[in-house]
Amino acid sequence: MPAVSKKQQRFFGIVRAIQKGEMAPTTPETAKAAADMKKGDVKDFASTKHKGLPDKKKKSLKEFLENI
């Protein structure tokens, strides 16, 4: 499953580095993701190319209304 935004790809790049032992967890979110997710799934997200991805995924109207 590819990442849907550059921000998501960067996050999973950090999670992958934590899983590989190349860096220490920077936030509780990255530590939890590194502990809970399979290495293969993280690799799929982290290996997504940036070309054509938005910086940040925009919420759809449905998602916006569900959060109200």
Protein backbone atom coordinates (compact mmCIF):
# COMPACT_ATOMS: atom_id res chain seq x y z
CA MET A 1 0.00 0.00 0.00
CA PRO A 2 1.64 3.27 -1.05
CA ALA A 3 1.66 6.44 1.02
CA VAL A 4 -0.99 9.02 0.08
CA SER A 5 1.10 12.11 0.88
CA LYS A 6 4.70 13.24 1.27
CA LYS A 7 4.11 13.80 4.98
CA GLN A 8 2.93 10.20 5.44
CA GLN A 9 5.91 8.87 3.47
CA ARG A 10 8.34 10.87 5.62
CA PHE A 11 6.67 9.60 8.82
CA PHE A 12 7.04 6.00 7.72
CA GLY A 13 10.63 6.66 6.67
CA ILE A 14 11.34 7.64 10.27
CA VAL A 15 9.44 4.59 11.57
CA ARG A 16 11.47 2.34 9.25
CA ALA A 17 14.75 3.84 10.48
CA ILE A 18 13.65 3.19 14.08
CA GLN A 19 12.78 -0.42 13.26
CA LYS A 20 16.19 -0.91 11.61
CA GLY A 21 17.94 0.59 14.64
CA GLU A 22 19.39 3.51 12.68
CA MET A 23 17.80 6.14 14.93
CA ALA A 24 16.02 6.50 18.25
CA PRO A 25 12.29 7.25 18.43
CA THR A 26 11.67 10.98 18.07
CA THR A 27 8.07 11.04 19.32
CA PRO A 28 5.71 8.65 21.11
CA GLU A 29 3.80 8.25 17.83
CA THR A 30 6.85 7.02 15.94
CA ALA A 31 7.79 4.66 18.77
CA LYS A 32 4.28 3.17 18.87
CA ALA A 33 4.12 2.77 15.09
CA ALA A 34 7.55 1.12 15.03
CA ALA A 35 6.50 -1.35 17.72
CA ASP A 36 3.03 -2.13 16.38
CA MET A 37 3.47 -2.34 12.60
CA LYS A 38 5.00 -5.09 10.49
CA LYS A 39 8.32 -4.24 8.87
CA GLY A 40 6.98 -5.11 5.41
CA ASP A 41 4.01 -2.77 5.76
CA VAL A 42 6.24 0.08 6.94
CA LYS A 43 8.61 -0.55 4.02
CA ASP A 44 5.72 -0.30 1.54
CA PHE A 45 4.70 3.11 2.88
CA ALA A 46 8.27 4.38 3.22
CA SER A 47 9.36 3.33 -0.27
CA THR A 48 6.67 5.38 -2.03
CA LYS A 49 8.16 7.90 -4.45
CA HIS A 50 7.40 11.59 -3.79
CA LYS A 51 6.61 12.45 -7.40
CA GLY A 52 2.94 13.30 -7.81
CA LEU A 53 2.10 13.16 -4.10
CA PRO A 54 0.54 16.12 -2.31
CA ASP A 55 2.40 17.55 0.69
CA LYS A 56 -0.57 16.77 2.88
CA LYS A 57 -3.77 14.85 2.12
CA LYS A 58 -6.81 17.09 2.10
CA LYS A 59 -9.85 15.91 4.00
CA SER A 60 -12.91 15.15 1.96
CA LEU A 61 -16.24 16.76 2.79
CA LYS A 62 -17.46 13.45 4.24
CA GLU A 63 -14.44 13.20 6.59
CA PHE A 64 -14.91 16.83 7.63
CA LEU A 65 -18.59 16.33 8.45
CA GLU A 66 -17.90 13.15 10.44
CA ASN A 67 -15.54 15.09 12.73
CA ILE A 68 -18.09 17.75 13.64
